[in-house]
Amino acid sequence: NILKTKGHPSIRQPLRDLDAAEAEADDIVMVRLKPHHSREAVLIVAGQ
């Protein structure tokens, strides 16, 4: 969330398809992408 809002432009823009990131438990994080997101959106998220 902080990278999407305050990160370098080269990070913020690729994270544009990130709709939400929430902790559902200590060991489970839920990432929701926007509909029609880019095919690599989840790889970008997982590599941050």
All heavy atoms as atom14 arrays in JSON, in Angstrom:
{
  "sequence": "NILKTKGHPSIRQPLRDLDAAEAEADDIVMVRLKPHHSREAVLIVAGQ",
  "atom14_mask": [
    [1, 1, 1, 1, 1, 1, 1, 1, 0, 0, 0, 0, 0, 0],
    [1, 1, 1, 1, 1, 1, 1, 1, 0, 0, 0, 0, 0, 0],
    [1, 1, 1, 1, 1, 1, 1, 1, 0, 0, 0, 0, 0, 0],
    [1, 1, 1, 1, 1, 1, 1, 1, 1, 0, 0, 0, 0, 0],
    [1, 1, 1, 1, 1, 1, 1, 0, 0, 0, 0, 0, 0, 0],
    [1, 1, 1, 1, 1, 1, 1, 1, 1, 0, 0, 0, 0, 0],
    [1, 1, 1, 1, 0, 0, 0, 0, 0, 0, 0, 0, 0, 0],
    [1, 1, 1, 1, 1, 1, 1, 1, 1, 1, 0, 0, 0, 0],
    [1, 1, 1, 1, 1, 1, 1, 0, 0, 0, 0, 0, 0, 0],
    [1, 1, 1, 1, 1, 1, 0, 0, 0, 0, 0, 0, 0, 0],
    [1, 1, 1, 1, 1, 1, 1, 1, 0, 0, 0, 0, 0, 0],
    [1, 1, 1, 1, 1, 1, 1, 1, 1, 1, 1, 0, 0, 0],
    [1, 1, 1, 1, 1, 1, 1, 1, 1, 0, 0, 0, 0, 0],
    [1, 1, 1, 1, 1, 1, 1, 0, 0, 0, 0, 0, 0, 0],
    [1, 1, 1, 1, 1, 1, 1, 1, 0, 0, 0, 0, 0, 0],
    [1, 1, 1, 1, 1, 1, 1, 1, 1, 1, 1, 0, 0, 0],
    [1, 1, 1, 1, 1, 1, 1, 1, 0, 0, 0, 0, 0, 0],
    [1, 1, 1, 1, 1, 1, 1, 1, 0, 0, 0, 0, 0, 0],
    [1, 1, 1, 1, 1, 1, 1, 1, 0, 0, 0, 0, 0, 0],
    [1, 1, 1, 1, 1, 0, 0, 0, 0, 0, 0, 0, 0, 0],
    [1, 1, 1, 1, 1, 0, 0, 0, 0, 0, 0, 0, 0, 0],
    [1, 1, 1, 1, 1, 1, 1, 1, 1, 0, 0, 0, 0, 0],
    [1, 1, 1, 1, 1, 0, 0, 0, 0, 0, 0, 0, 0, 0],
    [1, 1, 1, 1, 1, 1, 1, 1, 1, 0, 0, 0, 0, 0],
    [1, 1, 1, 1, 1, 0, 0, 0, 0, 0, 0, 0, 0, 0],
    [1, 1, 1, 1, 1, 1, 1, 1, 0, 0, 0, 0, 0, 0],
    [1, 1, 1, 1, 1, 1, 1, 1, 0, 0, 0, 0, 0, 0],
    [1, 1, 1, 1, 1, 1, 1, 1, 0, 0, 0, 0, 0, 0],
    [1, 1, 1, 1, 1, 1, 1, 0, 0, 0, 0, 0, 0, 0],
    [1, 1, 1, 1, 1, 1, 1, 1, 0, 0, 0, 0, 0, 0],
    [1, 1, 1, 1, 1, 1, 1, 0, 0, 0, 0, 0, 0, 0],
    [1, 1, 1, 1, 1, 1, 1, 1, 1, 1, 1, 0, 0, 0],
    [1, 1, 1, 1, 1, 1, 1, 1, 0, 0, 0, 0, 0, 0],
    [1, 1, 1, 1, 1, 1, 1, 1, 1, 0, 0, 0, 0, 0],
    [1, 1, 1, 1, 1, 1, 1, 0, 0, 0, 0, 0, 0, 0],
    [1, 1, 1, 1, 1, 1, 1, 1, 1, 1, 0, 0, 0, 0],
    [1, 1, 1, 1, 1, 1, 1, 1, 1, 1, 0, 0, 0, 0],
    [1, 1, 1, 1, 1, 1, 0, 0, 0, 0, 0, 0, 0, 0],
    [1, 1, 1, 1, 1, 1, 1, 1, 1, 1, 1, 0, 0, 0],
    [1, 1, 1, 1, 1, 1, 1, 1, 1, 0, 0, 0, 0, 0],
    [1, 1, 1, 1, 1, 0, 0, 0, 0, 0, 0, 0, 0, 0],
    [1, 1, 1, 1, 1, 1, 1, 0, 0, 0, 0, 0, 0, 0],
    [1, 1, 1, 1, 1, 1, 1, 1, 0, 0, 0, 0, 0, 0],
    [1, 1, 1, 1, 1, 1, 1, 1, 0, 0, 0, 0, 0, 0],
    [1, 1, 1, 1, 1, 1, 1, 0, 0, 0, 0, 0, 0, 0],
    [1, 1, 1, 1, 1, 0, 0, 0, 0, 0, 0, 0, 0, 0],
    [1, 1, 1, 1, 0, 0, 0, 0, 0, 0, 0, 0, 0, 0],
    [1, 1, 1, 1, 1, 1, 1, 1, 1, 0, 0, 0, 0, 0]
  ],
  "atom14_positions": [
    [[0.81, -1.21, 0.0], [0.0, 0.0, 0.0], [0.85, 1.26, 0.0], [0.52, 2.24, -0.68], [-0.96, -0.02, 1.2], [-2.06, -1.04, 1.05], [-2.6, -1.22, -0.04], [-2.39, -1.74, 2.12], [0.0, 0.0, 0.0], [0.0, 0.0, 0.0], [0.0, 0.0, 0.0], [0.0, 0.0, 0.0], [0.0, 0.0, 0.0], [0.0, 0.0, 0.0]],
    [[1.96, 1.26, 0.75], [2.77, 2.48, 0.79], [3.57, 2.65, -0.49], [3.79, 3.78, -0.96], [3.68, 2.5, 2.03], [4.06, 3.95, 2.35], [4.92, 1.63, 1.84], [4.63, 4.16, 3.73], [0.0, 0.0, 0.0], [0.0, 0.0, 0.0], [0.0, 0.0, 0.0], [0.0, 0.0, 0.0], [0.0, 0.0, 0.0], [0.0, 0.0, 0.0]],
    [[3.97, 1.54, -1.11], [4.67, 1.65, -2.4], [3.73, 2.18, -3.47], [4.14, 2.95, -4.34], [5.22, 0.28, -2.81], [6.49, -0.18, -2.07], [6.77, -1.64, -2.37], [7.69, 0.69, -2.45], [0.0, 0.0, 0.0], [0.0, 0.0, 0.0], [0.0, 0.0, 0.0], [0.0, 0.0, 0.0], [0.0, 0.0, 0.0], [0.0, 0.0, 0.0]],
    [[2.47, 1.78, -3.41], [1.5, 2.25, -4.41], [1.21, 3.73, -4.26], [0.96, 4.42, -5.25], [0.22, 1.44, -4.32], [-0.81, 1.85, -5.38], [-2.08, 1.05, -5.31], [-3.06, 1.53, -6.37], [-4.34, 0.79, -6.35], [0.0, 0.0, 0.0], [0.0, 0.0, 0.0], [0.0, 0.0, 0.0], [0.0, 0.0, 0.0], [0.0, 0.0, 0.0]],
    [[1.25, 4.24, -3.03], [0.89, 5.64, -2.8], [2.09, 6.58, -2.74], [2.0, 7.73, -3.16], [0.08, 5.77, -1.5], [0.85, 5.22, -0.42], [-1.25, 5.04, -1.61], [0.0, 0.0, 0.0], [0.0, 0.0, 0.0], [0.0, 0.0, 0.0], [0.0, 0.0, 0.0], [0.0, 0.0, 0.0], [0.0, 0.0, 0.0], [0.0, 0.0, 0.0]],
    [[3.24, 6.08, -2.23], [4.37, 6.98, -2.02], [5.66, 6.51, -2.67], [6.69, 7.17, -2.54], [4.61, 7.16, -0.51], [3.46, 7.83, 0.22], [3.81, 8.09, 1.69], [2.69, 8.82, 2.41], [3.03, 9.11, 3.83], [0.0, 0.0, 0.0], [0.0, 0.0, 0.0], [0.0, 0.0, 0.0], [0.0, 0.0, 0.0], [0.0, 0.0, 0.0]],
    [[5.62, 5.41, -3.39], [6.82, 4.88, -4.0], [7.29, 5.67, -5.21], [6.61, 6.58, -5.7], [0.0, 0.0, 0.0], [0.0, 0.0, 0.0], [0.0, 0.0, 0.0], [0.0, 0.0, 0.0], [0.0, 0.0, 0.0], [0.0, 0.0, 0.0], [0.0, 0.0, 0.0], [0.0, 0.0, 0.0], [0.0, 0.0, 0.0], [0.0, 0.0, 0.0]],
    [[8.46, 5.32, -5.7], [8.99, 5.94, -6.91], [8.01, 5.73, -8.06], [7.32, 4.71, -8.12], [10.34, 5.28, -7.25], [11.11, 5.98, -8.32], [10.83, 5.81, -9.67], [12.15, 6.84, -8.27], [11.66, 6.53, -10.39], [12.47, 7.17, -9.56], [0.0, 0.0, 0.0], [0.0, 0.0, 0.0], [0.0, 0.0, 0.0], [0.0, 0.0, 0.0]],
    [[7.91, 6.7, -8.99], [6.97, 6.54, -10.11], [7.13, 5.23, -10.86], [6.15, 4.66, -11.34], [7.3, 7.74, -11.0], [7.82, 8.77, -10.07], [8.57, 8.02, -9.01], [0.0, 0.0, 0.0], [0.0, 0.0, 0.0], [0.0, 0.0, 0.0], [0.0, 0.0, 0.0], [0.0, 0.0, 0.0], [0.0, 0.0, 0.0], [0.0, 0.0, 0.0]],
    [[8.36, 4.72, -10.96], [8.59, 3.47, -11.67], [8.04, 2.28, -10.91], [7.94, 1.17, -11.45], [10.08, 3.26, -11.94], [10.8, 3.12, -10.73], [0.0, 0.0, 0.0], [0.0, 0.0, 0.0], [0.0, 0.0, 0.0], [0.0, 0.0, 0.0], [0.0, 0.0, 0.0], [0.0, 0.0, 0.0], [0.0, 0.0, 0.0], [0.0, 0.0, 0.0]],
    [[7.68, 2.47, -9.64], [7.02, 1.43, -8.84], [5.52, 1.68, -8.79], [4.72, 0.76, -8.96], [7.59, 1.4, -7.41], [9.09, 1.09, -7.43], [6.85, 0.37, -6.55], [9.75, 1.19, -6.07], [0.0, 0.0, 0.0], [0.0, 0.0, 0.0], [0.0, 0.0, 0.0], [0.0, 0.0, 0.0], [0.0, 0.0, 0.0], [0.0, 0.0, 0.0]],
    [[5.14, 2.93, -8.57], [3.72, 3.26, -8.44], [2.93, 2.87, -9.69], [1.84, 2.3, -9.6], [3.53, 4.76, -8.2], [3.97, 5.24, -6.84], [3.28, 6.55, -6.46], [3.26, 7.53, -7.53], [4.17, 8.46, -7.73], [5.24, 8.51, -6.93], [4.06, 9.34, -8.71], [0.0, 0.0, 0.0], [0.0, 0.0, 0.0], [0.0, 0.0, 0.0]],
    [[3.48, 3.2, -10.84], [2.71, 2.94, -12.06], [2.47, 1.45, -12.31], [1.35, 1.05, -12.6], [3.38, 3.59, -13.27], [2.47, 3.55, -14.5], [3.04, 4.32, -15.66], [4.22, 4.22, -15.94], [2.21, 5.07, -16.36], [0.0, 0.0, 0.0], [0.0, 0.0, 0.0], [0.0, 0.0, 0.0], [0.0, 0.0, 0.0], [0.0, 0.0, 0.0]],
    [[3.49, 0.58, -12.16], [3.2, -0.85, -12.33], [2.22, -1.42, -11.32], [1.61, -2.45, -11.56], [4.59, -1.49, -12.18], [5.55, -0.43, -12.58], [4.94, 0.84, -12.08], [0.0, 0.0, 0.0], [0.0, 0.0, 0.0], [0.0, 0.0, 0.0], [0.0, 0.0, 0.0], [0.0, 0.0, 0.0], [0.0, 0.0, 0.0], [0.0, 0.0, 0.0]],
    [[2.08, -0.74, -10.15], [1.16, -1.22, -9.12], [-0.25, -0.65, -9.3], [-1.1, -0.83, -8.43], [1.68, -0.85, -7.73], [2.87, -1.68, -7.22], [3.38, -1.12, -5.9], [2.49, -3.15, -7.06], [0.0, 0.0, 0.0], [0.0, 0.0, 0.0], [0.0, 0.0, 0.0], [0.0, 0.0, 0.0], [0.0, 0.0, 0.0], [0.0, 0.0, 0.0]],
    [[-0.51, -0.03, -10.42], [-1.8, 0.62, -10.63], [-2.96, -0.37, -10.62], [-4.1, -0.02, -10.32], [-1.8, 1.4, -11.95], [-1.58, 0.54, -13.18], [-1.33, 1.36, -14.43], [-2.5, 2.14, -14.81], [-2.48, 3.09, -15.74], [-1.35, 3.39, -16.34], [-3.57, 3.74, -16.05], [0.0, 0.0, 0.0], [0.0, 0.0, 0.0], [0.0, 0.0, 0.0]],
    [[-2.69, -1.63, -10.96], [-3.76, -2.64, -10.99], [-4.01, -3.27, -9.63], [-4.88, -4.13, -9.5], [-3.42, -3.74, -12.0], [-3.6, -3.28, -13.44], [-4.39, -2.35, -13.67], [-2.96, -3.86, -14.34], [0.0, 0.0, 0.0], [0.0, 0.0, 0.0], [0.0, 0.0, 0.0], [0.0, 0.0, 0.0], [0.0, 0.0, 0.0], [0.0, 0.0, 0.0]],
    [[-3.24, -2.87, -8.62], [-3.47, -3.36, -7.26], [-4.68, -2.63, -6.67], [-4.65, -1.42, -6.48], [-2.23, -3.14, -6.4], [-2.38, -3.46, -4.91], [-2.67, -4.94, -4.69], [-1.11, -3.04, -4.15], [0.0, 0.0, 0.0], [0.0, 0.0, 0.0], [0.0, 0.0, 0.0], [0.0, 0.0, 0.0], [0.0, 0.0, 0.0], [0.0, 0.0, 0.0]],
    [[-5.73, -3.38, -6.37], [-6.95, -2.77, -5.82], [-6.93, -2.76, -4.3], [-7.34, -1.79, -3.67], [-8.17, -3.55, -6.32], [-9.48, -2.85, -5.99], [-9.52, -1.6, -6.09], [-10.46, -3.53, -5.62], [0.0, 0.0, 0.0], [0.0, 0.0, 0.0], [0.0, 0.0, 0.0], [0.0, 0.0, 0.0], [0.0, 0.0, 0.0], [0.0, 0.0, 0.0]],
    [[-6.43, -3.84, -3.71], [-6.38, -3.89, -2.24], [-5.36, -4.94, -1.81], [-5.15, -5.94, -2.49], [-7.75, -4.24, -1.67], [0.0, 0.0, 0.0], [0.0, 0.0, 0.0], [0.0, 0.0, 0.0], [0.0, 0.0, 0.0], [0.0, 0.0, 0.0], [0.0, 0.0, 0.0], [0.0, 0.0, 0.0], [0.0, 0.0, 0.0], [0.0, 0.0, 0.0]],
    [[-4.74, -4.68, -0.66], [-3.85, -5.64, -0.02], [-4.19, -5.62, 1.47], [-4.05, -4.58, 2.12], [-2.39, -5.28, -0.24], [0.0, 0.0, 0.0], [0.0, 0.0, 0.0], [0.0, 0.0, 0.0], [0.0, 0.0, 0.0], [0.0, 0.0, 0.0], [0.0, 0.0, 0.0], [0.0, 0.0, 0.0], [0.0, 0.0, 0.0], [0.0, 0.0, 0.0]],
    [[-4.65, -6.75, 1.99], [-5.15, -6.79, 3.36], [-4.65, -8.05, 4.06], [-4.54, -9.12, 3.46], [-6.68, -6.78, 3.38], [-7.29, -5.55, 2.72], [-8.8, -5.69, 2.53], [-9.34, -6.76, 2.91], [-9.42, -4.76, 1.98], [0.0, 0.0, 0.0], [0.0, 0.0, 0.0], [0.0, 0.0, 0.0], [0.0, 0.0, 0.0], [0.0, 0.0, 0.0]],
    [[-4.37, -7.9, 5.36], [-3.98, -9.05, 6.18], [-5.24, -9.72, 6.7], [-6.01, -9.13, 7.45], [-3.1, -8.6, 7.34], [0.0, 0.0, 0.0], [0.0, 0.0, 0.0], [0.0, 0.0, 0.0], [0.0, 0.0, 0.0], [0.0, 0.0, 0.0], [0.0, 0.0, 0.0], [0.0, 0.0, 0.0], [0.0, 0.0, 0.0], [0.0, 0.0, 0.0]],
    [[-5.46, -10.98, 6.28], [-6.62, -11.73, 6.76], [-6.27, -12.53, 8.01], [-7.14, -12.92, 8.78], [-7.14, -12.66, 5.68], [-7.72, -11.91, 4.48], [-8.38, -12.82, 3.47], [-8.01, -14.02, 3.41], [-9.27, -12.35, 2.74], [0.0, 0.0, 0.0], [0.0, 0.0, 0.0], [0.0, 0.0, 0.0], [0.0, 0.0, 0.0], [0.0, 0.0, 0.0]],
    [[-5.0, -12.81, 8.18], [-4.46, -13.47, 9.37], [-2.98, -13.14, 9.41], [-2.45, -12.55, 8.46], [-4.69, -14.98, 9.31], [0.0, 0.0, 0.0], [0.0, 0.0, 0.0], [0.0, 0.0, 0.0], [0.0, 0.0, 0.0], [0.0, 0.0, 0.0], [0.0, 0.0, 0.0], [0.0, 0.0, 0.0], [0.0, 0.0, 0.0], [0.0, 0.0, 0.0]],
    [[-2.29, -13.51, 10.46], [-0.86, -13.21, 10.53], [-0.1, -13.83, 9.36], [0.91, -13.29, 8.92], [-0.27, -13.72, 11.85], [-0.6, -12.81, 13.03], [-1.1, -11.69, 12.77], [-0.34, -13.22, 14.18], [0.0, 0.0, 0.0], [0.0, 0.0, 0.0], [0.0, 0.0, 0.0], [0.0, 0.0, 0.0], [0.0, 0.0, 0.0], [0.0, 0.0, 0.0]],
    [[-0.59, -14.98, 8.87], [0.12, -15.68, 7.82], [-0.66, -15.75, 6.51], [-0.35, -16.57, 5.64], [0.49, -17.1, 8.27], [-0.72, -17.94, 8.62], [-1.83, -17.36, 8.78], [-0.59, -19.17, 8.72], [0.0, 0.0, 0.0], [0.0, 0.0, 0.0], [0.0, 0.0, 0.0], [0.0, 0.0, 0.0], [0.0, 0.0, 0.0], [0.0, 0.0, 0.0]],
    [[-1.64, -14.9, 6.34], [-2.4, -14.85, 5.07], [-2.6, -13.4, 4.67], [-3.2, -12.61, 5.42], [-3.78, -15.53, 5.18], [-3.64, -17.0, 5.61], [-4.51, -15.45, 3.84], [-4.96, -17.7, 5.82], [0.0, 0.0, 0.0], [0.0, 0.0, 0.0], [0.0, 0.0, 0.0], [0.0, 0.0, 0.0], [0.0, 0.0, 0.0], [0.0, 0.0, 0.0]],
    [[-2.09, -13.04, 3.5], [-2.34, -11.71, 2.96], [-3.16, -11.86, 1.69], [-2.85, -12.69, 0.82], [-1.03, -10.93, 2.69], [-0.16, -11.62, 1.65], [-1.33, -9.51, 2.25], [0.0, 0.0, 0.0], [0.0, 0.0, 0.0], [0.0, 0.0, 0.0], [0.0, 0.0, 0.0], [0.0, 0.0, 0.0], [0.0, 0.0, 0.0], [0.0, 0.0, 0.0]],
    [[-4.24, -11.1, 1.62], [-5.12, -11.13, 0.47], [-4.78, -9.97, -0.46], [-4.73, -8.82, -0.02], [-6.58, -11.03, 0.9], [-7.6, -11.17, -0.24], [-7.87, -9.62, -1.18], [-8.57, -8.56, 0.07], [0.0, 0.0, 0.0], [0.0, 0.0, 0.0], [0.0, 0.0, 0.0], [0.0, 0.0, 0.0], [0.0, 0.0, 0.0], [0.0, 0.0, 0.0]],
    [[-4.54, -10.27, -1.71], [-4.27, -9.26, -2.72], [-5.39, -9.33, -3.75], [-5.63, -10.38, -4.35], [-2.91, -9.5, -3.39], [-2.76, -8.6, -4.62], [-1.78, -9.26, -2.4], [0.0, 0.0, 0.0], [0.0, 0.0, 0.0], [0.0, 0.0, 0.0], [0.0, 0.0, 0.0], [0.0, 0.0, 0.0], [0.0, 0.0, 0.0], [0.0, 0.0, 0.0]],
    [[-6.06, -8.22, -3.93], [-7.13, -8.16, -4.93], [-6.7, -7.22, -6.05], [-6.29, -6.07, -5.8], [-8.44, -7.68, -4.31], [-9.62, -7.73, -5.3], [-10.95, -7.47, -4.62], [-11.02, -6.14, -4.03], [-11.05, -5.9, -2.72], [-11.0, -6.91, -1.86], [-11.13, -4.68, -2.25], [0.0, 0.0, 0.0], [0.0, 0.0, 0.0], [0.0, 0.0, 0.0]],
    [[-6.78, -7.68, -7.27], [-6.44, -6.89, -8.44], [-7.69, -6.36, -9.1], [-8.77, -6.95, -8.99], [-5.64, -7.75, -9.43], [-4.36, -8.4, -8.89], [-3.72, -9.27, -9.96], [-3.38, -7.34, -8.4], [0.0, 0.0, 0.0], [0.0, 0.0, 0.0], [0.0, 0.0, 0.0], [0.0, 0.0, 0.0], [0.0, 0.0, 0.0], [0.0, 0.0, 0.0]],
    [[-7.55, -5.27, -9.8], [-8.67, -4.68, -10.5], [-9.1, -5.58, -11.66], [-8.26, -6.27, -12.25], [-8.29, -3.29, -11.03], [-7.99, -2.28, -9.94], [-7.54, -0.95, -10.54], [-7.21, 0.06, -9.45], [-6.7, 1.33, -10.01], [0.0, 0.0, 0.0], [0.0, 0.0, 0.0], [0.0, 0.0, 0.0], [0.0, 0.0, 0.0], [0.0, 0.0, 0.0]],
    [[-10.38, -5.57, -11.99], [-10.81, -6.35, -13.17], [-10.04, -5.91, -14.42], [-9.68, -4.74, -14.55], [-12.3, -6.01, -13.28], [-12.69, -5.6, -11.89], [-11.49, -4.9, -11.32], [0.0, 0.0, 0.0], [0.0, 0.0, 0.0], [0.0, 0.0, 0.0], [0.0, 0.0, 0.0], [0.0, 0.0, 0.0], [0.0, 0.0, 0.0], [0.0, 0.0, 0.0]],
    [[-9.77, -6.85, -15.29], [-9.05, -6.58, -16.54], [-7.62, -6.1, -16.28], [-7.06, -5.33, -17.06], [-9.8, -5.55, -17.41], [-11.26, -5.83, -17.55], [-11.73, -6.96, -18.18], [-12.35, -5.14, -17.11], [-13.06, -6.95, -18.15], [-13.47, -5.87, -17.5], [0.0, 0.0, 0.0], [0.0, 0.0, 0.0], [0.0, 0.0, 0.0], [0.0, 0.0, 0.0]],
    [[-7.05, -6.56, -15.18], [-5.67, -6.18, -14.85], [-4.69, -6.8, -15.84], [-5.02, -7.75, -16.57], [-5.33, -6.64, -13.44], [-5.5, -8.13, -13.24], [-4.56, -9.06, -13.63], [-6.52, -8.84, -12.67], [-4.97, -10.27, -13.33], [-6.16, -10.17, -12.74], [0.0, 0.0, 0.0], [0.0, 0.0, 0.0], [0.0, 0.0, 0.0], [0.0, 0.0, 0.0]],
    [[-3.47, -6.26, -15.85], [-2.44, -6.81, -16.73], [-2.09, -8.22, -16.28], [-2.2, -8.57, -15.11], [-1.2, -5.93, -16.73], [-0.46, -6.1, -15.55], [0.0, 0.0, 0.0], [0.0, 0.0, 0.0], [0.0, 0.0, 0.0], [0.0, 0.0, 0.0], [0.0, 0.0, 0.0], [0.0, 0.0, 0.0], [0.0, 0.0, 0.0], [0.0, 0.0, 0.0]],
    [[-1.63, -9.02, -17.23], [-1.37, -10.43, -16.91], [-0.19, -10.58, -15.94], [-0.07, -11.6, -15.27], [-1.09, -11.22, -18.2], [0.19, -10.79, -18.86], [0.53, -11.58, -20.1], [1.83, -11.13, -20.55], [2.06, -10.0, -21.2], [1.04, -9.23, -21.53], [3.27, -9.63, -21.55], [0.0, 0.0, 0.0], [0.0, 0.0, 0.0], [0.0, 0.0, 0.0]],
    [[0.7, -9.58, -15.86], [1.84, -9.69, -14.96], [1.62, -8.95, -13.65], [2.54, -8.86, -12.83], [3.1, -9.17, -15.64], [3.08, -7.7, -15.98], [4.41, -7.21, -16.57], [5.47, -7.69, -16.14], [4.35, -6.35, -17.46], [0.0, 0.0, 0.0], [0.0, 0.0, 0.0], [0.0, 0.0, 0.0], [0.0, 0.0, 0.0], [0.0, 0.0, 0.0]],
    [[0.42, -8.43, -13.42], [0.17, -7.62, -12.22], [0.51, -8.37, -10.94], [1.13, -7.82, -10.03], [-1.28, -7.15, -12.2], [0.0, 0.0, 0.0], [0.0, 0.0, 0.0], [0.0, 0.0, 0.0], [0.0, 0.0, 0.0], [0.0, 0.0, 0.0], [0.0, 0.0, 0.0], [0.0, 0.0, 0.0], [0.0, 0.0, 0.0], [0.0, 0.0, 0.0]],
    [[0.12, -9.64, -10.86], [0.38, -10.38, -9.62], [1.87, -10.66, -9.46], [2.38, -10.7, -8.33], [-0.44, -11.69, -9.58], [0.02, -12.68, -10.65], [-0.36, -12.31, -8.19], [0.0, 0.0, 0.0], [0.0, 0.0, 0.0], [0.0, 0.0, 0.0], [0.0, 0.0, 0.0], [0.0, 0.0, 0.0], [0.0, 0.0, 0.0], [0.0, 0.0, 0.0]],
    [[2.62, -10.84, -10.55], [4.06, -11.05, -10.44], [4.74, -9.78, -9.94], [5.7, -9.85, -9.17], [4.65, -11.48, -11.78], [4.61, -12.98, -12.09], [3.18, -13.43, -12.41], [5.53, -13.33, -13.25], [0.0, 0.0, 0.0], [0.0, 0.0, 0.0], [0.0, 0.0, 0.0], [0.0, 0.0, 0.0], [0.0, 0.0, 0.0], [0.0, 0.0, 0.0]],
    [[4.25, -8.63, -10.39], [4.8, -7.36, -9.91], [4.56, -7.22, -8.4], [5.46, -6.84, -7.65], [4.16, -6.19, -10.68], [4.61, -6.22, -12.14], [4.5, -4.85, -10.04], [3.86, -5.27, -13.04], [0.0, 0.0, 0.0], [0.0, 0.0, 0.0], [0.0, 0.0, 0.0], [0.0, 0.0, 0.0], [0.0, 0.0, 0.0], [0.0, 0.0, 0.0]],
    [[3.36, -7.56, -7.97], [3.04, -7.5, -6.54], [3.93, -8.45, -5.75], [4.51, -8.08, -4.72], [1.54, -7.85, -6.33], [1.26, -8.13, -4.85], [0.66, -6.71, -6.82], [0.0, 0.0, 0.0], [0.0, 0.0, 0.0], [0.0, 0.0, 0.0], [0.0, 0.0, 0.0], [0.0, 0.0, 0.0], [0.0, 0.0, 0.0], [0.0, 0.0, 0.0]],
    [[4.05, -9.69, -6.23], [4.79, -10.71, -5.49], [6.29, -10.44, -5.44], [6.99, -11.01, -4.59], [4.53, -12.08, -6.1], [0.0, 0.0, 0.0], [0.0, 0.0, 0.0], [0.0, 0.0, 0.0], [0.0, 0.0, 0.0], [0.0, 0.0, 0.0], [0.0, 0.0, 0.0], [0.0, 0.0, 0.0], [0.0, 0.0, 0.0], [0.0, 0.0, 0.0]],
    [[6.78, -9.57, -6.3], [8.2, -9.26, -6.33], [8.6, -8.0, -5.58], [9.79, -7.65, -5.54], [0.0, 0.0, 0.0], [0.0, 0.0, 0.0], [0.0, 0.0, 0.0], [0.0, 0.0, 0.0], [0.0, 0.0, 0.0], [0.0, 0.0, 0.0], [0.0, 0.0, 0.0], [0.0, 0.0, 0.0], [0.0, 0.0, 0.0], [0.0, 0.0, 0.0]],
    [[7.64, -7.33, -4.96], [7.95, -6.09, -4.25], [8.65, -6.37, -2.92], [8.4, -7.39, -2.27], [6.68, -5.28, -4.01], [6.0, -4.77, -5.27], [6.91, -3.92, -6.13], [7.67, -3.09, -5.63], [6.85, -4.13, -7.44], [0.0, 0.0, 0.0], [0.0, 0.0, 0.0], [0.0, 0.0, 0.0], [0.0, 0.0, 0.0], [0.0, 0.0, 0.0]]
  ]
}
